[in-house]
Structure formats: structure tokens, C-alpha cells
């Protein structure tokens, strides 16, 4: 009687579009900011109640850390759709937003100009908050994800200036074992502009904190967009991790 009545009411409520919409857009840490609902990326079909429900279910068990919720719901759903946190293979996923870490500017003597024959290193860094992941990072119970653009400027004796730019991704702690990481990175060139996204897949070793160079591989346009996001100091990321049990052909 009572249980059957409760089950019937829940089934009826679960079909209401507003329920799943509220689950995804309300609360202290919403998956989707209300202002992002109308933003599109690529081709979007109708975003009805069944899709809001799929988004709510796909994010179950995910870590939500300082998430700005600026991704359009269609992109977020696609970013989460390959994740099954109910599996027993150690999968882990987090939604987070990386923000600028202020770096000291180089100081030059006598007038503030860069002397001839010298080199200066400048950095732009965006970092996530601490992401709890004790299963894959037992020594530290988690890690901080960072993207870094380094620029080495050489001022030659001929007064010409040459620069070398390097792009890095790093994890602040070593994982328990070899780990595959897939990230969907998203950014906007202006607050009300279109959302751009790129996918990054890497594998990390177990014997040291990972720091991998990115600028010599991948799509040129995507890397340029990522550099711009780092310079502006804001980057959204959906991070998937899964341990690599069969290490043949993988690092570490």
C-alpha cells in the first residue's frame, strides 16, 4: 500500500521536466549556470526533460570543486557521457574551474628595461582547487591540476628580442599507479561570447608528479585557444581518470 503509493508518486514526479532542470541548475554547486543554458556549441537539438535527466544521472558521483558552471548543458552532457562511476575499474571524474595564480614580475635595475644579453622567464598559470581523489592519489588524498605557459625572452646584444614559448600541464602529486587522464577543456574569449572546447588525453607515471609539455603536439588552433584562456586566467575542465592495469605500452 504505502510503498506502492510512494513508488507511483516518485515515478510521476520523475517525469516532470522541472525536477531534473532544478537538480542541474539550482543549489550551492549547480552543474549548469542559468545564463549558460541558452549558449550553444556546435549543433544542438531540443534540450528537453529527458536530457536534463541524463545530465543529472551522468554527474552522479562526480567531484564538483569551484565549478563555475559556465558550460552549455549540451557540451557538459557530452563531456560526461563516457563516464560510468558505478563501474569497479576505479574511474573518477571532477568538474572544476581553474583560475589565475599571480606570478611576480621580473625586476630590472636602472630604468626598468631589460639589459642586453640577458634572458627573462615569465609565467602565466591557472590552477584548480585541491581535488580530492584518495583512491588514485593515496599519498596526498588528491592533487591540484595546473596549466602553465612559460615565455623565455632573450634580449640579444644586437638589441633584437627573441622569445620561446612553452605550454605545460601538471599534477601536483604522483598517482598510485599509471593513470589515463582525459580532459574536456572549455573557455570563452569574452564573458558573453561563444564557448570553445578542446579535448586533451594524457597518461602519467606513478613515480613522480606529472608535468607534461603540450605545445609541440595537438591541434594548433586548440592550443592557441588554450593559451588565450591561460592568459585571461580562467579555464573550465571536466577531468576523467582511470587507472591503467595493463601497463604494456604505457608509461611507468
C-alpha atoms as a PDB file:
ATOM      1  CA  UNK A   1       0.000   0.000   0.000  1.00  0.00           C
ATOM      2  CA  UNK A   2       2.237   2.800   1.277  1.00  0.00           C
ATOM      3  CA  UNK A   3       5.350   1.688  -0.630  1.00  0.00           C
ATOM      4  CA  UNK A   4       3.372   1.229  -3.831  1.00  0.00           C
ATOM      5  CA  UNK A   5       1.842   4.686  -3.435  1.00  0.00           C
ATOM      6  CA  UNK A   6       5.251   6.260  -2.814  1.00  0.00           C
ATOM      7  CA  UNK A   7       6.724   4.492  -5.833  1.00  0.00           C
ATOM      8  CA  UNK A   8       3.867   5.664  -8.033  1.00  0.00           C
ATOM      9  CA  UNK A   9       4.275   9.265  -6.884  1.00  0.00           C
ATOM     10  CA  UNK A  10       8.026   9.194  -7.464  1.00  0.00           C
ATOM     11  CA  UNK A  11       7.590   7.772 -10.961  1.00  0.00           C
ATOM     12  CA  UNK A  12       5.124  10.542 -11.696  1.00  0.00           C
ATOM     13  CA  UNK A  13       7.447  13.218 -10.294  1.00  0.00           C
ATOM     14  CA  UNK A  14      10.436  11.815 -12.215  1.00  0.00           C
ATOM     15  CA  UNK A  15       8.618  12.565 -15.464  1.00  0.00           C
ATOM     16  CA  UNK A  16       8.273  16.265 -14.622  1.00  0.00           C
ATOM     17  CA  UNK A  17      10.734  18.389 -16.625  1.00  0.00           C
ATOM     18  CA  UNK A  18      11.153  20.929 -13.823  1.00  0.00           C
ATOM     19  CA  UNK A  19      12.520  18.328 -11.372  1.00  0.00           C
ATOM     20  CA  UNK A  20      15.603  17.475 -13.429  1.00  0.00           C
ATOM     21  CA  UNK A  21      16.062  21.081 -14.553  1.00  0.00           C
ATOM     22  CA  UNK A  22      16.165  22.190 -10.902  1.00  0.00           C
ATOM     23  CA  UNK A  23      18.602  19.425  -9.980  1.00  0.00           C
ATOM     24  CA  UNK A  24      21.021  20.644 -12.668  1.00  0.00           C
ATOM     25  CA  UNK A  25      20.661  24.417 -12.264  1.00  0.00           C
ATOM     26  CA  UNK A  26      19.946  25.046  -8.587  1.00  0.00           C
ATOM     27  CA  UNK A  27      21.731  24.523  -5.284  1.00  0.00           C
ATOM     28  CA  UNK A  28      25.090  25.536  -3.836  1.00  0.00           C
ATOM     29  CA  UNK A  29      27.062  23.875  -6.672  1.00  0.00           C
ATOM     30  CA  UNK A  30      24.881  23.735  -9.805  1.00  0.00           C
ATOM     31  CA  UNK A  31      26.013  21.791 -12.838  1.00  0.00           C
ATOM     32  CA  UNK A  32      24.783  24.459 -15.255  1.00  0.00           C
ATOM     33  CA  UNK A  33      24.533  28.184 -14.591  1.00  0.00           C
ATOM     34  CA  UNK A  34      21.211  29.617 -15.700  1.00  0.00           C
ATOM     35  CA  UNK A  35      22.969  32.076 -18.009  1.00  0.00           C
ATOM     36  CA  UNK A  36      24.705  29.210 -19.809  1.00  0.00           C
ATOM     37  CA  UNK A  37      21.525  27.362 -20.770  1.00  0.00           C
ATOM     38  CA  UNK A  38      20.982  29.435 -23.890  1.00  0.00           C
ATOM     39  CA  UNK A  39      24.609  29.264 -25.057  1.00  0.00           C
ATOM     40  CA  UNK A  40      25.342  26.707 -27.726  1.00  0.00           C
ATOM     41  CA  UNK A  41      28.358  24.971 -29.139  1.00  0.00           C
ATOM     42  CA  UNK A  42      28.135  23.002 -32.354  1.00  0.00           C
ATOM     43  CA  UNK A  43      24.693  21.719 -33.271  1.00  0.00           C
ATOM     44  CA  UNK A  44      22.081  21.485 -30.559  1.00  0.00           C
ATOM     45  CA  UNK A  45      18.760  19.769 -30.717  1.00  0.00           C
ATOM     46  CA  UNK A  46      15.880  20.237 -28.288  1.00  0.00           C
ATOM     47  CA  UNK A  47      17.102  20.155 -24.705  1.00  0.00           C
ATOM     48  CA  UNK A  48      14.072  18.529 -23.083  1.00  0.00           C
ATOM     49  CA  UNK A  49      13.404  16.878 -19.758  1.00  0.00           C
ATOM     50  CA  UNK A  50      14.949  13.537 -20.791  1.00  0.00           C
ATOM     51  CA  UNK A  51      18.255  15.288 -21.474  1.00  0.00           C
ATOM     52  CA  UNK A  52      18.228  17.133 -18.137  1.00  0.00           C
ATOM     53  CA  UNK A  53      17.632  13.765 -16.506  1.00  0.00           C
ATOM     54  CA  UNK A  54      20.530  12.215 -18.424  1.00  0.00           C
ATOM     55  CA  UNK A  55      22.780  15.081 -17.313  1.00  0.00           C
ATOM     56  CA  UNK A  56      21.795  14.641 -13.663  1.00  0.00           C
ATOM     57  CA  UNK A  57      22.435  10.901 -13.840  1.00  0.00           C
ATOM     58  CA  UNK A  58      25.745  11.253 -15.703  1.00  0.00           C
ATOM     59  CA  UNK A  59      27.129  13.549 -12.986  1.00  0.00           C
ATOM     60  CA  UNK A  60      26.282  11.247 -10.068  1.00  0.00           C
ATOM     61  CA  UNK A  61      29.407  10.604  -8.005  1.00  0.00           C
ATOM     62  CA  UNK A  62      31.430  13.348  -9.710  1.00  0.00           C
ATOM     63  CA  UNK A  63      33.526  15.780  -7.667  1.00  0.00           C
ATOM     64  CA  UNK A  64      32.315  19.382  -8.079  1.00  0.00           C
ATOM     65  CA  UNK A  65      35.059  21.783  -6.971  1.00  0.00           C
ATOM     66  CA  UNK A  66      34.867  25.560  -7.511  1.00  0.00           C
ATOM     67  CA  UNK A  67      32.858  24.799 -10.655  1.00  0.00           C
ATOM     68  CA  UNK A  68      31.719  27.983 -12.380  1.00  0.00           C
ATOM     69  CA  UNK A  69      29.032  26.054 -14.304  1.00  0.00           C
ATOM     70  CA  UNK A  70      29.542  28.128 -17.438  1.00  0.00           C
ATOM     71  CA  UNK A  71      29.480  25.242 -19.940  1.00  0.00           C
ATOM     72  CA  UNK A  72      26.376  24.874 -22.081  1.00  0.00           C
ATOM     73  CA  UNK A  73      24.366  21.832 -20.953  1.00  0.00           C
ATOM     74  CA  UNK A  74      24.794  20.055 -24.295  1.00  0.00           C
ATOM     75  CA  UNK A  75      28.594  20.250 -24.063  1.00  0.00           C
ATOM     76  CA  UNK A  76      28.605  19.213 -20.414  1.00  0.00           C
ATOM     77  CA  UNK A  77      26.454  16.166 -21.176  1.00  0.00           C
ATOM     78  CA  UNK A  78      28.777  15.106 -23.979  1.00  0.00           C
ATOM     79  CA  UNK A  79      31.760  15.603 -21.659  1.00  0.00           C
ATOM     80  CA  UNK A  80      30.240  13.304 -19.033  1.00  0.00           C
ATOM     81  CA  UNK A  81      28.576  10.765 -21.305  1.00  0.00           C
ATOM     82  CA  UNK A  82      31.513   8.333 -21.400  1.00  0.00           C
ATOM     83  CA  UNK A  83      31.739   8.094 -17.614  1.00  0.00           C
ATOM     84  CA  UNK A  84      30.240   5.264 -15.604  1.00  0.00           C
ATOM     85  CA  UNK A  85      31.166   5.862 -11.958  1.00  0.00           C
ATOM     86  CA  UNK A  86      29.275   2.746 -10.934  1.00  0.00           C
ATOM     87  CA  UNK A  87      31.882   0.550 -12.579  1.00  0.00           C
ATOM     88  CA  UNK A  88      34.553  -1.161 -10.478  1.00  0.00           C
ATOM     89  CA  UNK A  89      37.571  -0.094 -12.516  1.00  0.00           C
ATOM     90  CA  UNK A  90      38.458   2.923 -10.339  1.00  0.00           C
ATOM     91  CA  UNK A  91      37.075   5.614 -12.620  1.00  0.00           C
ATOM     92  CA  UNK A  92      36.984   9.146 -11.216  1.00  0.00           C
ATOM     93  CA  UNK A  93      35.618  12.408 -12.626  1.00  0.00           C
ATOM     94  CA  UNK A  94      35.647  16.017 -11.487  1.00  0.00           C
ATOM     95  CA  UNK A  95      34.109  19.268 -12.662  1.00  0.00           C
ATOM     96  CA  UNK A  96      36.326  22.213 -11.786  1.00  0.00           C
ATOM     97  CA  UNK A  97      37.333  25.703 -12.878  1.00  0.00           C
ATOM     98  CA  UNK A  98      40.967  26.775 -12.972  1.00  0.00           C
ATOM     99  CA  UNK A  99      41.872  30.339 -12.066  1.00  0.00           C
ATOM    100  CA  UNK A 100      44.955  32.552 -12.413  1.00  0.00           C
ATOM    101  CA  UNK A 101      47.821  32.207  -9.949  1.00  0.00           C
ATOM    102  CA  UNK A 102      49.624  35.545  -9.671  1.00  0.00           C
ATOM    103  CA  UNK A 103      53.327  35.431 -10.523  1.00  0.00           C
ATOM    104  CA  UNK A 104      55.999  38.008  -9.606  1.00  0.00           C
ATOM    105  CA  UNK A 105      57.194  40.179 -12.471  1.00  0.00           C
ATOM    106  CA  UNK A 106      60.929  40.303 -13.255  1.00  0.00           C
ATOM    107  CA  UNK A 107      62.694  43.317 -11.794  1.00  0.00           C
ATOM    108  CA  UNK A 108      65.315  45.175 -13.862  1.00  0.00           C
ATOM    109  CA  UNK A 109      67.825  47.677 -12.499  1.00  0.00           C
ATOM    110  CA  UNK A 110      68.356  51.280 -13.601  1.00  0.00           C
ATOM    111  CA  UNK A 111      65.338  52.446 -15.513  1.00  0.00           C
ATOM    112  CA  UNK A 112      63.365  49.228 -15.614  1.00  0.00           C
ATOM    113  CA  UNK A 113      64.468  47.988 -19.063  1.00  0.00           C
ATOM    114  CA  UNK A 114      65.804  44.540 -19.821  1.00  0.00           C
ATOM    115  CA  UNK A 115      69.620  44.609 -20.187  1.00  0.00           C
ATOM    116  CA  UNK A 116      71.199  43.402 -23.419  1.00  0.00           C
ATOM    117  CA  UNK A 117      72.446  39.827 -23.452  1.00  0.00           C
ATOM    118  CA  UNK A 118      70.049  38.645 -20.751  1.00  0.00           C
ATOM    119  CA  UNK A 119      67.074  36.300 -20.621  1.00  0.00           C
ATOM    120  CA  UNK A 120      63.876  36.642 -18.606  1.00  0.00           C
ATOM    121  CA  UNK A 121      61.339  33.956 -17.726  1.00  0.00           C
ATOM    122  CA  UNK A 122      57.687  34.886 -17.329  1.00  0.00           C
ATOM    123  CA  UNK A 123      54.863  32.525 -16.453  1.00  0.00           C
ATOM    124  CA  UNK A 124      51.083  32.504 -16.718  1.00  0.00           C
ATOM    125  CA  UNK A 125      49.453  29.806 -14.584  1.00  0.00           C
ATOM    126  CA  UNK A 126      45.885  28.685 -13.941  1.00  0.00           C
ATOM    127  CA  UNK A 127      45.232  26.111 -11.223  1.00  0.00           C
ATOM    128  CA  UNK A 128      42.292  24.175  -9.857  1.00  0.00           C
ATOM    129  CA  UNK A 129      41.451  23.931  -6.165  1.00  0.00           C
ATOM    130  CA  UNK A 130      42.589  20.765  -4.402  1.00  0.00           C
ATOM    131  CA  UNK A 131      40.716  17.856  -5.986  1.00  0.00           C
ATOM    132  CA  UNK A 132      40.031  15.033  -3.529  1.00  0.00           C
ATOM    133  CA  UNK A 133      40.902  11.638  -5.030  1.00  0.00           C
ATOM    134  CA  UNK A 134      42.204   9.316  -2.320  1.00  0.00           C
ATOM    135  CA  UNK A 135      41.671   6.201  -4.435  1.00  0.00           C
ATOM    136  CA  UNK A 136      44.122   7.216  -7.168  1.00  0.00           C
ATOM    137  CA  UNK A 137      46.337   9.507  -5.029  1.00  0.00           C
ATOM    138  CA  UNK A 138      46.677   7.702  -1.664  1.00  0.00           C
ATOM    139  CA  UNK A 139      49.807   9.605  -0.544  1.00  0.00           C
ATOM    140  CA  UNK A 140      48.179  13.041  -0.731  1.00  0.00           C
ATOM    141  CA  UNK A 141      44.463  12.153  -0.976  1.00  0.00           C
ATOM    142  CA  UNK A 142      44.227  14.306  -4.102  1.00  0.00           C
ATOM    143  CA  UNK A 143      46.017  16.785  -6.323  1.00  0.00           C
ATOM    144  CA  UNK A 144      45.963  20.232  -7.908  1.00  0.00           C
ATOM    145  CA  UNK A 145      45.675  20.478 -11.703  1.00  0.00           C
ATOM    146  CA  UNK A 146      47.559  23.330 -13.387  1.00  0.00           C
ATOM    147  CA  UNK A 147      48.196  24.667 -16.877  1.00  0.00           C
ATOM    148  CA  UNK A 148      51.230  26.861 -17.373  1.00  0.00           C
ATOM    149  CA  UNK A 149      52.570  28.974 -20.207  1.00  0.00           C
ATOM    150  CA  UNK A 150      56.268  29.824 -19.949  1.00  0.00           C
ATOM    151  CA  UNK A 151      57.886  32.505 -22.044  1.00  0.00           C
ATOM    152  CA  UNK A 152      61.659  32.899 -22.166  1.00  0.00           C
ATOM    153  CA  UNK A 153      62.584  36.278 -23.641  1.00  0.00           C
ATOM    154  CA  UNK A 154      66.172  36.730 -24.815  1.00  0.00           C
ATOM    155  CA  UNK A 155      67.423  40.246 -25.467  1.00  0.00           C
ATOM    156  CA  UNK A 156      70.463  39.887 -27.718  1.00  0.00           C
ATOM    157  CA  UNK A 157      73.444  42.190 -27.971  1.00  0.00           C
ATOM    158  CA  UNK A 158      72.104  43.415 -31.317  1.00  0.00           C
ATOM    159  CA  UNK A 159      69.034  44.788 -29.485  1.00  0.00           C
ATOM    160  CA  UNK A 160      66.841  42.165 -31.173  1.00  0.00           C
ATOM    161  CA  UNK A 161      64.455  40.238 -28.962  1.00  0.00           C
ATOM    162  CA  UNK A 162      63.738  36.538 -29.323  1.00  0.00           C
ATOM    163  CA  UNK A 163      61.196  34.541 -27.317  1.00  0.00           C
ATOM    164  CA  UNK A 164      60.465  30.863 -26.746  1.00  0.00           C
ATOM    165  CA  UNK A 165      57.028  29.822 -25.519  1.00  0.00           C
ATOM    166  CA  UNK A 166      56.262  26.535 -23.788  1.00  0.00           C
ATOM    167  CA  UNK A 167      52.915  25.154 -22.663  1.00  0.00           C
ATOM    168  CA  UNK A 168      52.666  22.679 -19.772  1.00  0.00           C
ATOM    169  CA  UNK A 169      50.071  20.664 -17.875  1.00  0.00           C
ATOM    170  CA  UNK A 170      50.929  19.401 -14.401  1.00  0.00           C
ATOM    171  CA  UNK A 171      49.561  17.463 -11.450  1.00  0.00           C
ATOM    172  CA  UNK A 172      50.869  18.409  -8.019  1.00  0.00           C
ATOM    173  CA  UNK A 173      51.219  14.817  -6.746  1.00  0.00           C
ATOM    174  CA  UNK A 174      52.093  11.358  -8.118  1.00  0.00           C
ATOM    175  CA  UNK A 175      49.288   8.910  -8.758  1.00  0.00           C
ATOM    176  CA  UNK A 176      49.199   5.466  -7.176  1.00  0.00           C
ATOM    177  CA  UNK A 177      49.951   3.817 -10.498  1.00  0.00           C
ATOM    178  CA  UNK A 178      49.962   4.534 -14.235  1.00  0.00           C
ATOM    179  CA  UNK A 179      46.833   6.528 -14.977  1.00  0.00           C
ATOM    180  CA  UNK A 180      44.991   7.625 -18.110  1.00  0.00           C
ATOM    181  CA  UNK A 181      43.555  11.133 -17.964  1.00  0.00           C
ATOM    182  CA  UNK A 182      41.027  12.641 -20.341  1.00  0.00           C
ATOM    183  CA  UNK A 183      40.069  16.297 -20.004  1.00  0.00           C
ATOM    184  CA  UNK A 184      37.469  18.361 -21.774  1.00  0.00           C
ATOM    185  CA  UNK A 185      38.672  21.972 -21.528  1.00  0.00           C
ATOM    186  CA  UNK A 186      36.380  24.897 -22.261  1.00  0.00           C
ATOM    187  CA  UNK A 187      36.768  28.662 -22.356  1.00  0.00           C
ATOM    188  CA  UNK A 188      35.136  31.869 -23.551  1.00  0.00           C
ATOM    189  CA  UNK A 189      37.059  34.691 -25.198  1.00  0.00           C
ATOM    190  CA  UNK A 190      34.688  37.178 -23.569  1.00  0.00           C
ATOM    191  CA  UNK A 191      32.024  36.841 -20.819  1.00  0.00           C
ATOM    192  CA  UNK A 192      29.102  36.669 -23.265  1.00  0.00           C
ATOM    193  CA  UNK A 193      30.942  35.017 -26.126  1.00  0.00           C
ATOM    194  CA  UNK A 194      30.695  31.532 -27.571  1.00  0.00           C
ATOM    195  CA  UNK A 195      32.158  28.599 -25.680  1.00  0.00           C
ATOM    196  CA  UNK A 196      35.114  26.843 -27.288  1.00  0.00           C
ATOM    197  CA  UNK A 197      36.290  23.417 -26.198  1.00  0.00           C
ATOM    198  CA  UNK A 198      39.181  21.022 -26.730  1.00  0.00           C
ATOM    199  CA  UNK A 199      39.919  17.505 -25.539  1.00  0.00           C
ATOM    200  CA  UNK A 200      43.236  16.520 -24.004  1.00  0.00           C
ATOM    201  CA  UNK A 201      44.255  12.905 -23.314  1.00  0.00           C
ATOM    202  CA  UNK A 202      47.454  12.022 -21.452  1.00  0.00           C
ATOM    203  CA  UNK A 203      48.953   9.142 -19.477  1.00  0.00           C
ATOM    204  CA  UNK A 204      51.039   9.703 -16.345  1.00  0.00           C
ATOM    205  CA  UNK A 205      53.611   7.641 -14.493  1.00  0.00           C
ATOM    206  CA  UNK A 206      53.463   6.530 -10.884  1.00  0.00           C
ATOM    207  CA  UNK A 207      56.965   7.547  -9.722  1.00  0.00           C
ATOM    208  CA  UNK A 208      56.711  11.337  -9.891  1.00  0.00           C
ATOM    209  CA  UNK A 209      54.265  14.230 -10.090  1.00  0.00           C
ATOM    210  CA  UNK A 210      53.375  14.697 -13.754  1.00  0.00           C
ATOM    211  CA  UNK A 211      54.489  17.732 -15.759  1.00  0.00           C
ATOM    212  CA  UNK A 212      53.997  17.319 -19.498  1.00  0.00           C
ATOM    213  CA  UNK A 213      54.717  19.701 -22.355  1.00  0.00           C
ATOM    214  CA  UNK A 214      51.860  20.347 -24.756  1.00  0.00           C
ATOM    215  CA  UNK A 215      52.968  22.969 -27.272  1.00  0.00           C
ATOM    216  CA  UNK A 216      54.678  20.552 -29.659  1.00  0.00           C
ATOM    217  CA  UNK A 217      51.656  18.307 -30.162  1.00  0.00           C
ATOM    218  CA  UNK A 218      47.975  18.639 -30.934  1.00  0.00           C
ATOM    219  CA  UNK A 219      45.817  20.992 -32.960  1.00  0.00           C
ATOM    220  CA  UNK A 220      47.371  24.429 -33.453  1.00  0.00           C
ATOM    221  CA  UNK A 221      44.069  26.315 -33.143  1.00  0.00           C
ATOM    222  CA  UNK A 222      43.116  24.436 -29.973  1.00  0.00           C
ATOM    223  CA  UNK A 223      46.495  25.149 -28.389  1.00  0.00           C
ATOM    224  CA  UNK A 224      46.173  28.821 -29.301  1.00  0.00           C
ATOM    225  CA  UNK A 225      42.746  28.923 -27.661  1.00  0.00           C
ATOM    226  CA  UNK A 226      44.148  27.233 -24.555  1.00  0.00           C
ATOM    227  CA  UNK A 227      46.980  29.773 -24.384  1.00  0.00           C
ATOM    228  CA  UNK A 228      44.435  32.580 -24.581  1.00  0.00           C
ATOM    229  CA  UNK A 229      42.394  31.065 -21.748  1.00  0.00           C
ATOM    230  CA  UNK A 230      45.501  30.796 -19.568  1.00  0.00           C
ATOM    231  CA  UNK A 231      46.397  34.429 -20.313  1.00  0.00           C
ATOM    232  CA  UNK A 232      42.873  35.543 -19.364  1.00  0.00           C
ATOM    233  CA  UNK A 233      43.123  33.500 -16.188  1.00  0.00           C
ATOM    234  CA  UNK A 234      40.043  31.282 -16.466  1.00  0.00           C
ATOM    235  CA  UNK A 235      39.555  27.743 -17.756  1.00  0.00           C
ATOM    236  CA  UNK A 236      36.822  25.148 -17.127  1.00  0.00           C
ATOM    237  CA  UNK A 237      37.660  21.445 -17.067  1.00  0.00           C
ATOM    238  CA  UNK A 238      35.842  18.130 -16.880  1.00  0.00           C
ATOM    239  CA  UNK A 239      38.527  15.674 -15.766  1.00  0.00           C
ATOM    240  CA  UNK A 240      38.235  11.884 -16.188  1.00  0.00           C
ATOM    241  CA  UNK A 241      40.774   9.492 -14.669  1.00  0.00           C
ATOM    242  CA  UNK A 242      41.066   5.732 -14.795  1.00  0.00           C
ATOM    243  CA  UNK A 243      43.955   3.521 -13.630  1.00  0.00           C
ATOM    244  CA  UNK A 244      45.863   1.575 -16.252  1.00  0.00           C
ATOM    245  CA  UNK A 245      46.062  -2.045 -15.095  1.00  0.00           C
ATOM    246  CA  UNK A 246      47.680  -3.490 -18.204  1.00  0.00           C
ATOM    247  CA  UNK A 247      50.772  -1.269 -18.423  1.00  0.00           C
ATOM    248  CA  UNK A 248      52.252  -2.873 -21.532  1.00  0.00           C
ATOM    249  CA  UNK A 249      52.891   0.019 -23.914  1.00  0.00           C
ATOM    250  CA  UNK A 250      52.065   2.698 -21.302  1.00  0.00           C
ATOM    251  CA  UNK A 251      54.406   4.903 -19.238  1.00  0.00           C
ATOM    252  CA  UNK A 252      55.676   3.752 -15.837  1.00  0.00           C
END
